[in-house]
Amino acid sequence: MTSALFTWIFLALLALNLGLKYWLATRQIRHVARRADVVPEQFAGEVGLEAHRKAAAYTVAKQRLAMVETACGAIVLLALTLCGGLQALSDLLGRWLGYGMPFQLALAACVVLIVSLVDLPIEWYRQFQIEQGFGFNRMTPKLFLADTAKSIGLSVAIGLPLLAMVLALMRFAGSYWWVYAWLIWCGFTLLMTVLFPVLIAPLFNRFTPLADPELLQRIRALVGRAGFQASGIYTMDGSRRSSRGNAYFTGLGAAGGALGFRVLTESVYFPVRAAVESAVASPGIRGGRVCRALRVAARADRRADQAVQGQRNHTDTGPGSLDVLQLAPARVDPYRAIAQAWSVGDGQLSVRPNADRMKRILRCDHPLQAEHYANVLRAAGFDCEVRRAALYGAVGDIPWHECAPEIWLRNELDEAMARRLLEELSKPSVGEPWRCAGCGEELEPQFGACWRCGHAR
């Protein structure tokens, strides 16, 4: 293959890559822009029009900057290759350092430095124009430059020795140097997984153990259900850089841990009592609001108790009667009521339930049982639905655990109170079994009429 043919193939592939990226980006921009003035039906009750427009504008702005970044990358690539930039840099360093290992390391470092210098103004614009313009940025220019300097220092301290090892293998390890290089890279990746949360991450953020015991217990229960064992759960000062909420897992084996941005844990949604207790200590919240919140929480608990008691004690008026469901009072959502009691501010409590996350609460043996429990939950004010009821007829052909009817809550934060209601409902009924005077059938105490003949108790 001649050099001219190789050059044309290179240019063709580069043009194809750029064309495909720009075509996809313009399609995305047009799609988002056309739908910016209409909130999708699925989110109409949760997202306002202005918030939707802001999200669309943010997406378009990021996509346009990505197109500029792609163009700059292509220009740098052409400048270093076809325009002779890399050769000129090699000649310059060769005259200074010779052509040994120091030259090879310096050449690689210079290429990385050039690419980083081109990316620096783009990152600056992304942080201080787009992110700040849409209210996400909390980073100062000083912190931005400090993070950049730390990143460069880590790249030099870690990257250059690793590159030197690979270059030495290429020179001395023979035709299978790439196998040894791959093994070194795998070991390096595992080592960094362990060292990152211990040595590297603390260079950029402060980590403190999560102090809230109830929230800590809930998170540990969540990761336990997911089969993950966290050695520690910490908050990090991610809010110094961004107002976004986030969390991640890091580490390997015993070094694994769960990390949550402080901006997330500051607005996490506590159970009612924990929320009220936190509110009492929060500045700017007066006693009247706290008392109202306490009354709301107590009223919600009482109504849930009444729903359980009504279900267990009501005497049916006839066969198959479900009048009990009309006696179960509607449940007041204490989270929403408390959220209306005070506003969110720095250093103050945030109680805003996330109603977009559904949670499976029960797997039943039969669709009738699932519908019964779902009706009880709905009567108590819980928004829920029954799933897989239509699949029940396939039991035998499909494993039971894949087609058993399930009850799902639309708001996962209702889980604790809903489980409490179902647990109370499943307790043995108070009273003695009785025998029907009409047909002699023996019935459990919760029945007010005979299920066989309809004779009243």
Protein backbone atom coordinates (compact mmCIF):
# COMPACT_ATOMS: atom_id res chain seq x y z
CA MET A 1 0.00 0.00 0.00
CA THR A 2 1.47 3.34 -1.04
CA SER A 3 1.56 6.32 1.30
CA ALA A 4 -0.79 8.28 -0.97
CA LEU A 5 -3.40 5.50 -0.90
CA PHE A 6 -3.10 5.18 2.87
CA THR A 7 -3.58 8.98 3.19
CA TRP A 8 -6.78 8.89 1.14
CA ILE A 9 -8.15 5.97 3.14
CA PHE A 10 -7.36 7.83 6.35
CA LEU A 11 -9.13 10.98 5.11
CA ALA A 12 -12.14 8.97 3.92
CA LEU A 13 -12.55 7.22 7.28
CA LEU A 14 -12.11 10.50 9.15
CA ALA A 15 -14.73 12.20 6.96
CA LEU A 16 -17.11 9.27 7.45
CA ASN A 17 -16.65 9.43 11.22
CA LEU A 18 -17.24 13.19 11.35
CA GLY A 19 -20.21 13.02 8.98
CA LEU A 20 -21.92 10.31 11.01
CA LYS A 21 -21.39 12.17 14.30
CA TYR A 22 -22.69 15.45 12.88
CA TRP A 23 -25.68 13.78 11.26
CA LEU A 24 -26.69 12.13 14.54
CA ALA A 25 -26.10 15.34 16.49
CA THR A 26 -28.24 17.47 14.15
CA ARG A 27 -31.03 14.89 14.25
CA GLN A 28 -30.94 14.96 18.04
CA ILE A 29 -31.05 18.76 18.14
CA ARG A 30 -34.00 18.95 15.74
CA HIS A 31 -35.88 16.25 17.60
CA VAL A 32 -35.48 17.96 20.98
CA ALA A 33 -36.22 21.44 19.61
CA ARG A 34 -39.47 20.32 17.94
CA ARG A 35 -40.76 18.84 21.20
CA ALA A 36 -39.57 21.54 23.57
CA ASP A 37 -42.99 23.21 23.90
CA VAL A 38 -44.96 20.08 24.86
CA VAL A 39 -44.35 18.06 28.03
CA PRO A 40 -44.53 14.30 27.34
CA GLU A 41 -47.75 12.77 28.56
CA GLN A 42 -45.92 10.43 30.95
CA PHE A 43 -44.45 13.40 32.85
CA ALA A 44 -47.24 15.94 32.47
CA GLY A 45 -48.21 15.68 36.13
CA GLU A 46 -44.68 15.99 37.47
CA VAL A 47 -42.78 18.34 35.12
CA GLY A 48 -43.87 21.87 34.29
CA LEU A 49 -43.59 23.41 30.84
CA GLU A 50 -40.82 25.83 31.83
CA ALA A 51 -38.74 23.05 33.38
CA HIS A 52 -39.24 20.96 30.25
CA ARG A 53 -38.15 23.84 28.01
CA LYS A 54 -35.10 24.40 30.18
CA ALA A 55 -34.15 20.73 29.93
CA ALA A 56 -34.52 20.84 26.15
CA ALA A 57 -32.39 23.99 25.86
CA TYR A 58 -29.74 22.40 28.08
CA THR A 59 -29.63 19.29 25.90
CA VAL A 60 -29.30 21.36 22.71
CA ALA A 61 -26.54 23.53 24.20
CA LYS A 62 -24.51 20.49 25.27
CA GLN A 63 -24.96 18.84 21.89
CA ARG A 64 -23.78 21.93 20.01
CA LEU A 65 -20.69 22.19 22.19
CA ALA A 66 -20.00 18.50 21.55
CA MET A 67 -20.07 19.25 17.80
CA VAL A 68 -17.48 22.00 18.30
CA GLU A 69 -15.37 19.64 20.40
CA THR A 70 -15.50 17.01 17.65
CA ALA A 71 -14.39 19.54 15.03
CA CYS A 72 -11.48 20.72 17.21
CA GLY A 73 -10.37 17.14 17.76
CA ALA A 74 -10.36 16.49 14.02
CA ILE A 75 -8.33 19.64 13.36
CA VAL A 76 -5.73 18.65 15.97
CA LEU A 77 -5.54 15.14 14.49
CA LEU A 78 -4.94 16.50 10.98
CA ALA A 79 -2.39 19.00 12.28
CA LEU A 80 -0.40 16.29 14.04
CA THR A 81 -0.56 13.74 11.20
CA LEU A 82 -0.99 15.01 7.63
CA CYS A 83 0.28 18.51 8.37
CA GLY A 84 3.51 17.20 9.90
CA GLY A 85 3.07 18.41 13.44
CA LEU A 86 4.05 15.11 15.01
CA GLN A 87 7.14 14.82 12.80
CA ALA A 88 8.23 18.36 13.64
CA LEU A 89 7.77 17.68 17.33
CA SER A 90 9.75 14.44 17.00
CA ASP A 91 12.64 16.22 15.26
CA LEU A 92 12.72 18.95 17.91
CA LEU A 93 12.74 16.56 20.85
CA GLY A 94 15.21 14.25 19.12
CA ARG A 95 17.75 17.06 18.85
CA TRP A 96 17.37 17.79 22.57
CA LEU A 97 17.02 14.33 24.09
CA GLY A 98 18.26 11.84 21.53
CA TYR A 99 16.02 8.93 20.54
CA GLY A 100 16.00 6.74 23.64
CA MET A 101 13.38 6.15 26.32
CA PRO A 102 13.31 9.80 27.54
CA PHE A 103 12.51 10.93 23.98
CA GLN A 104 9.63 8.49 23.65
CA LEU A 105 8.14 9.53 26.98
CA ALA A 106 8.55 13.23 26.18
CA LEU A 107 6.92 12.81 22.76
CA ALA A 108 3.88 11.07 24.24
CA ALA A 109 3.65 13.67 27.01
CA CYS A 110 3.78 16.54 24.50
CA VAL A 111 0.98 15.05 22.39
CA VAL A 112 -1.19 14.64 25.48
CA LEU A 113 -0.35 18.19 26.55
CA ILE A 114 -1.34 19.64 23.15
CA VAL A 115 -4.67 17.80 23.16
CA SER A 116 -5.32 18.92 26.76
CA LEU A 117 -4.58 22.56 25.93
CA VAL A 118 -7.07 22.41 23.06
CA ASP A 119 -9.70 20.84 25.34
CA LEU A 120 -9.13 23.31 28.19
CA PRO A 121 -11.12 26.27 26.76
CA ILE A 122 -13.91 23.89 25.76
CA GLU A 123 -14.11 22.54 29.31
CA TRP A 124 -14.04 26.09 30.66
CA TYR A 125 -16.92 27.09 28.40
CA ARG A 126 -18.87 23.96 29.36
CA GLN A 127 -18.44 24.66 33.07
CA PHE A 128 -18.81 28.43 33.27
CA GLN A 129 -21.19 29.10 30.40
CA ILE A 130 -23.47 26.10 29.90
CA GLU A 131 -23.49 24.56 33.38
CA GLN A 132 -23.55 27.93 35.11
CA GLY A 133 -26.09 29.37 32.70
CA PHE A 134 -28.54 26.59 33.55
CA GLY A 135 -27.91 26.79 37.30
CA PHE A 136 -25.85 23.63 37.79
CA ASN A 137 -22.35 24.97 38.32
CA ARG A 138 -20.99 25.67 41.79
CA MET A 139 -17.31 25.48 40.85
CA THR A 140 -15.14 28.59 41.08
CA PRO A 141 -12.38 29.37 38.54
CA LYS A 142 -9.83 28.75 41.28
CA LEU A 143 -11.23 25.29 41.99
CA PHE A 144 -11.38 24.53 38.25
CA LEU A 145 -7.69 25.37 37.82
CA ALA A 146 -6.78 23.43 40.97
CA ASP A 147 -8.59 20.33 39.69
CA THR A 148 -6.85 20.69 36.32
CA ALA A 149 -3.44 20.94 37.96
CA LYS A 150 -4.13 17.89 40.14
CA SER A 151 -5.27 15.91 37.12
CA ILE A 152 -2.10 16.78 35.21
CA GLY A 153 0.06 15.83 38.19
CA LEU A 154 -1.68 12.46 38.56
CA SER A 155 -1.37 11.77 34.83
CA VAL A 156 2.37 12.42 34.98
CA ALA A 157 2.91 10.44 38.19
CA ILE A 158 0.87 7.42 37.08
CA GLY A 159 0.82 7.52 33.29
CA LEU A 160 4.50 8.01 32.51
CA PRO A 161 5.78 5.02 34.56
CA LEU A 162 3.07 2.82 33.05
CA LEU A 163 3.99 4.00 29.54
CA ALA A 164 7.67 3.38 30.27
CA MET A 165 6.88 -0.23 31.21
CA VAL A 166 4.96 -0.79 27.98
CA LEU A 167 7.75 0.75 25.87
CA ALA A 168 10.33 -1.44 27.63
CA LEU A 169 8.22 -4.52 26.89
CA MET A 170 7.97 -3.53 23.22
CA ARG A 171 11.76 -3.34 23.09
CA PHE A 172 12.83 -6.35 25.11
CA ALA A 173 9.90 -8.84 25.42
CA GLY A 174 9.85 -10.06 21.82
CA SER A 175 6.81 -10.72 19.65
CA TYR A 176 4.55 -11.44 22.62
CA TRP A 177 5.14 -8.08 24.29
CA TRP A 178 1.47 -7.21 23.88
CA VAL A 179 0.43 -10.17 26.09
CA TYR A 180 2.63 -8.94 28.93
CA ALA A 181 1.41 -5.40 28.39
CA TRP A 182 -2.19 -6.62 28.63
CA LEU A 183 -1.44 -8.44 31.89
CA ILE A 184 0.19 -5.32 33.31
CA TRP A 185 -2.82 -3.24 32.25
CA CYS A 186 -5.25 -5.65 33.92
CA GLY A 187 -3.24 -5.57 37.14
CA PHE A 188 -3.04 -1.79 36.97
CA THR A 189 -6.83 -1.53 36.52
CA LEU A 190 -7.51 -3.73 39.54
CA LEU A 191 -4.96 -1.82 41.61
CA MET A 192 -6.51 1.53 40.71
CA THR A 193 -9.96 0.22 41.62
CA VAL A 194 -8.68 -0.41 45.13
CA LEU A 195 -6.52 2.72 45.46
CA PHE A 196 -8.89 5.24 43.90
CA PRO A 197 -11.27 5.63 46.89
CA VAL A 198 -8.36 5.56 49.34
CA LEU A 199 -5.69 7.75 47.74
CA ILE A 200 -6.97 9.55 44.64
CA ALA A 201 -10.57 10.57 45.35
CA PRO A 202 -9.64 12.35 48.64
CA LEU A 203 -7.36 14.65 46.62
CA PHE A 204 -10.45 16.18 45.00
CA ASN A 205 -13.19 15.80 47.63
CA ARG A 206 -13.74 15.45 51.35
CA PHE A 207 -15.46 12.26 52.51
CA THR A 208 -17.27 11.88 55.81
CA PRO A 209 -19.24 8.87 57.09
CA LEU A 210 -22.99 9.28 56.69
CA ALA A 211 -24.21 10.59 60.03
CA ASP A 212 -27.97 10.03 59.76
CA PRO A 213 -28.58 6.56 61.32
CA GLU A 214 -32.00 5.99 59.76
CA LEU A 215 -30.89 6.99 56.28
CA LEU A 216 -27.78 4.84 56.74
CA GLN A 217 -29.96 1.86 57.65
CA ARG A 218 -32.21 2.39 54.63
CA ILE A 219 -29.26 2.60 52.24
CA ARG A 220 -27.67 -0.51 53.73
CA ALA A 221 -30.97 -2.36 53.32
CA LEU A 222 -31.18 -1.20 49.70
CA VAL A 223 -27.66 -2.32 48.78
CA GLY A 224 -28.25 -5.54 50.69
CA ARG A 225 -31.30 -6.33 48.55
CA ALA A 226 -29.14 -5.69 45.49
CA GLY A 227 -26.57 -8.20 46.73
CA PHE A 228 -23.88 -5.56 47.31
CA GLN A 229 -21.83 -5.37 50.49
CA ALA A 230 -20.55 -1.86 51.23
CA SER A 231 -17.75 -1.45 53.74
CA GLY A 232 -18.76 2.16 54.28
CA ILE A 233 -21.31 4.77 53.20
CA TYR A 234 -20.00 8.32 52.97
CA THR A 235 -21.07 11.77 51.88
CA MET A 236 -18.76 13.80 49.68
CA ASP A 237 -18.69 17.53 49.10
CA GLY A 238 -19.73 17.14 45.46
CA SER A 239 -21.98 20.17 45.92
CA ARG A 240 -18.83 22.34 45.72
CA ARG A 241 -18.74 21.62 42.00
CA SER A 242 -22.31 20.94 40.90
CA SER A 243 -25.87 21.19 42.18
CA ARG A 244 -26.75 17.84 40.65
CA GLY A 245 -27.52 14.94 42.96
CA ASN A 246 -25.54 11.80 42.43
CA ALA A 247 -24.10 8.72 44.08
CA TYR A 248 -21.78 5.90 43.09
CA PHE A 249 -20.12 2.71 44.28
CA THR A 250 -16.38 2.29 44.15
CA GLY A 251 -13.66 -0.04 45.36
CA LEU A 252 -13.03 -3.75 45.16
CA GLY A 253 -13.77 -6.41 47.75
CA ALA A 254 -13.34 -5.13 51.31
CA ALA A 255 -12.44 -1.69 50.00
CA GLY A 256 -15.85 -1.26 48.36
CA GLY A 257 -17.97 1.62 49.51
CA ALA A 258 -21.04 3.66 48.62
CA LEU A 259 -20.58 7.38 48.11
CA GLY A 260 -23.31 10.00 47.85
CA PHE A 261 -22.92 13.64 46.88
CA ARG A 262 -23.83 15.92 49.74
CA VAL A 263 -26.25 17.76 47.46
CA LEU A 264 -28.14 14.47 47.17
CA THR A 265 -28.19 13.59 50.85
CA GLU A 266 -29.27 17.12 51.74
CA SER A 267 -32.49 16.58 49.77
CA VAL A 268 -33.06 12.91 50.51
CA TYR A 269 -36.58 12.05 51.56
CA PHE A 270 -36.78 10.86 55.14
CA PRO A 271 -39.68 9.04 56.77
CA VAL A 272 -42.12 11.39 58.47
CA ARG A 273 -40.84 11.21 62.03
CA ALA A 274 -37.20 11.59 61.02
CA ALA A 275 -38.16 14.52 58.81
CA VAL A 276 -39.96 16.28 61.65
CA GLU A 277 -37.10 15.65 64.07
CA SER A 278 -34.65 17.12 61.57
CA ALA A 279 -36.95 20.06 60.97
CA VAL A 280 -37.02 20.99 64.64
CA ALA A 281 -33.28 21.58 64.59
CA SER A 282 -33.26 23.41 61.24
CA PRO A 283 -32.85 27.19 61.25
CA GLY A 284 -35.69 29.27 59.94
CA ILE A 285 -38.42 26.73 60.74
CA ARG A 286 -40.82 27.92 63.40
CA GLY A 287 -42.78 25.92 65.91
CA GLY A 288 -46.10 26.40 64.15
CA ARG A 289 -44.92 24.65 61.03
CA VAL A 290 -43.39 21.81 63.00
CA CYS A 291 -46.63 21.32 64.92
CA ARG A 292 -48.60 21.22 61.70
CA ALA A 293 -46.21 18.62 60.32
CA LEU A 294 -46.55 16.52 63.47
CA ARG A 295 -50.33 16.68 63.24
CA VAL A 296 -50.20 15.58 59.60
CA ALA A 297 -47.93 12.64 60.42
CA ALA A 298 -50.08 11.55 63.35
CA ARG A 299 -53.27 11.87 61.31
CA ALA A 300 -51.79 9.77 58.49
CA ASP A 301 -50.75 7.04 60.93
CA ARG A 302 -54.18 7.03 62.58
CA ARG A 303 -55.96 6.71 59.27
CA ALA A 304 -53.77 3.84 58.19
CA ASP A 305 -54.55 2.15 61.52
CA GLN A 306 -58.26 2.75 60.98
CA ALA A 307 -58.06 1.17 57.53
CA VAL A 308 -56.49 -1.97 59.01
CA GLN A 309 -58.98 -2.09 61.87
CA GLY A 310 -61.92 -1.54 59.51
CA GLN A 311 -60.75 -4.37 57.29
CA ARG A 312 -60.32 -6.77 60.21
CA ASN A 313 -63.40 -5.93 62.29
CA HIS A 314 -66.10 -5.09 59.75
CA THR A 315 -68.94 -7.63 59.49
CA ASP A 316 -69.95 -8.37 55.92
CA THR A 317 -73.61 -7.84 55.08
CA GLY A 318 -73.83 -10.56 52.49
CA PRO A 319 -71.90 -13.08 50.45
CA GLY A 320 -68.93 -11.52 48.67
CA SER A 321 -69.60 -8.09 50.15
CA LEU A 322 -66.69 -5.63 50.02
CA ASP A 323 -68.39 -2.80 51.89
CA VAL A 324 -65.38 -2.75 54.21
CA LEU A 325 -63.37 -1.02 51.51
CA GLN A 326 -65.68 1.98 51.68
CA LEU A 327 -65.07 2.30 55.42
CA ALA A 328 -61.28 2.56 55.10
CA PRO A 329 -60.53 6.31 55.26
CA ALA A 330 -58.31 7.86 52.62
CA ARG A 331 -54.69 8.19 53.64
CA VAL A 332 -53.13 11.65 53.70
CA ASP A 333 -49.68 11.67 52.14
CA PRO A 334 -47.58 13.15 54.98
CA TYR A 335 -44.59 13.78 52.75
CA ARG A 336 -46.52 16.11 50.46
CA ALA A 337 -48.22 17.83 53.37
CA ILE A 338 -44.90 18.50 55.10
CA ALA A 339 -43.38 19.69 51.85
CA GLN A 340 -46.14 22.30 51.74
CA ALA A 341 -45.39 23.34 55.32
CA TRP A 342 -42.00 24.85 54.57
CA SER A 343 -39.73 25.64 51.64
CA VAL A 344 -36.34 24.24 50.78
CA GLY A 345 -33.27 26.37 51.48
CA ASP A 346 -29.57 26.02 52.20
CA GLY A 347 -29.13 24.32 55.53
CA GLN A 348 -32.85 23.59 55.84
CA LEU A 349 -34.82 20.42 55.40
CA SER A 350 -35.97 19.17 52.03
CA VAL A 351 -38.96 16.85 52.07
CA ARG A 352 -40.06 16.18 48.52
CA PRO A 353 -41.06 12.61 47.76
CA ASN A 354 -40.10 11.08 44.47
CA ALA A 355 -43.32 9.73 43.03
CA ASP A 356 -41.65 8.46 39.85
CA ARG A 357 -40.03 5.39 41.39
CA MET A 358 -42.22 2.30 41.62
CA LYS A 359 -41.62 -0.47 44.13
CA ARG A 360 -42.76 -4.09 44.23
CA ILE A 361 -44.24 -4.72 47.65
CA LEU A 362 -45.84 -8.17 47.46
CA ARG A 363 -45.93 -11.35 45.36
CA CYS A 364 -49.20 -13.22 45.78
CA ASP A 365 -50.35 -16.80 45.28
CA HIS A 366 -53.45 -15.95 43.24
CA PRO A 367 -54.84 -12.96 41.27
CA LEU A 368 -57.87 -12.75 43.60
CA GLN A 369 -55.57 -12.41 46.60
CA ALA A 370 -53.54 -9.75 44.78
CA GLU A 371 -56.65 -7.75 43.87
CA HIS A 372 -57.95 -7.99 47.43
CA TYR A 373 -54.72 -6.66 48.94
CA ALA A 374 -54.49 -3.97 46.24
CA ASN A 375 -58.04 -2.82 47.05
CA VAL A 376 -57.13 -2.54 50.72
CA LEU A 377 -54.07 -0.48 49.87
CA ARG A 378 -56.02 1.80 47.51
CA ALA A 379 -58.70 2.35 50.14
CA ALA A 380 -55.97 3.42 52.56
CA GLY A 381 -54.76 6.00 50.03
CA PHE A 382 -51.82 4.11 48.47
CA ASP A 383 -51.47 4.35 44.69
CA CYS A 384 -50.73 0.81 43.51
CA GLU A 385 -51.35 -1.62 40.69
CA VAL A 386 -51.46 -5.39 40.15
CA ARG A 387 -49.09 -6.84 37.59
CA ARG A 388 -48.82 -10.29 35.98
CA ALA A 389 -52.43 -11.19 36.78
CA ALA A 390 -52.97 -12.31 33.17
CA LEU A 391 -49.89 -14.55 33.29
CA TYR A 392 -51.21 -16.63 36.18
CA GLY A 393 -52.92 -19.05 33.79
CA ALA A 394 -49.51 -20.04 32.44
CA VAL A 395 -48.34 -21.53 35.76
CA GLY A 396 -46.76 -24.88 34.95
CA ASP A 397 -45.55 -23.86 31.52
CA ILE A 398 -43.79 -20.84 33.02
CA PRO A 399 -42.03 -20.98 36.42
CA TRP A 400 -44.26 -19.72 39.22
CA HIS A 401 -41.94 -16.91 40.26
CA GLU A 402 -42.11 -15.46 36.73
CA CYS A 403 -45.90 -15.35 36.46
CA ALA A 404 -47.13 -14.92 40.05
CA PRO A 405 -49.26 -11.77 40.42
CA GLU A 406 -47.45 -8.85 42.05
CA ILE A 407 -48.51 -5.61 43.74
CA TRP A 408 -46.44 -2.53 42.90
CA LEU A 409 -46.53 0.85 44.65
CA ARG A 410 -46.22 3.87 42.40
CA ASN A 411 -44.32 5.77 45.12
CA GLU A 412 -41.50 3.70 46.61
CA LEU A 413 -41.49 5.93 49.71
CA ASP A 414 -44.86 4.49 50.69
CA GLU A 415 -43.26 1.07 51.17
CA ALA A 416 -42.82 1.14 54.96
CA MET A 417 -46.42 2.18 55.76
CA ALA A 418 -47.89 -0.11 53.10
CA ARG A 419 -45.98 -3.12 54.41
CA ARG A 420 -47.15 -2.30 57.92
CA LEU A 421 -50.76 -2.30 56.74
CA LEU A 422 -50.36 -5.64 54.96
CA GLU A 423 -48.60 -7.19 57.94
CA GLU A 424 -51.45 -6.15 60.22
CA LEU A 425 -53.93 -7.49 57.70
CA SER A 426 -52.21 -10.87 57.58
CA LYS A 427 -52.32 -11.37 61.36
CA PRO A 428 -54.83 -13.96 62.60
CA SER A 429 -58.28 -12.51 63.13
CA VAL A 430 -59.49 -11.97 66.67
CA GLY A 431 -62.37 -14.25 67.67
CA GLU A 432 -63.48 -17.83 67.40
CA PRO A 433 -64.52 -19.75 64.28
CA TRP A 434 -68.29 -20.12 63.87
CA ARG A 435 -70.58 -22.62 62.17
CA CYS A 436 -73.24 -21.59 59.66
CA ALA A 437 -76.77 -22.34 60.87
CA GLY A 438 -77.96 -22.80 57.30
CA CYS A 439 -75.52 -25.34 55.85
CA GLY A 440 -73.25 -26.25 58.76
CA GLU A 441 -70.08 -24.90 57.11
CA GLU A 442 -67.34 -23.93 59.60
CA LEU A 443 -66.14 -20.39 58.94
CA GLU A 444 -63.28 -18.21 60.16
CA PRO A 445 -64.13 -15.31 62.49
CA GLN A 446 -63.62 -12.55 59.91
CA PHE A 447 -66.57 -13.77 57.82
CA GLY A 448 -69.87 -12.03 58.52
CA ALA A 449 -71.86 -14.38 56.29
CA CYS A 450 -71.43 -17.89 54.99
CA TRP A 451 -69.46 -17.97 51.78
CA ARG A 452 -71.34 -21.11 50.64
CA CYS A 453 -75.01 -20.31 51.24
CA GLY A 454 -75.01 -16.62 52.15
CA HIS A 455 -76.65 -17.17 55.55
CA ALA A 456 -75.91 -14.31 57.97
CA ARG A 457 -73.84 -14.99 61.05
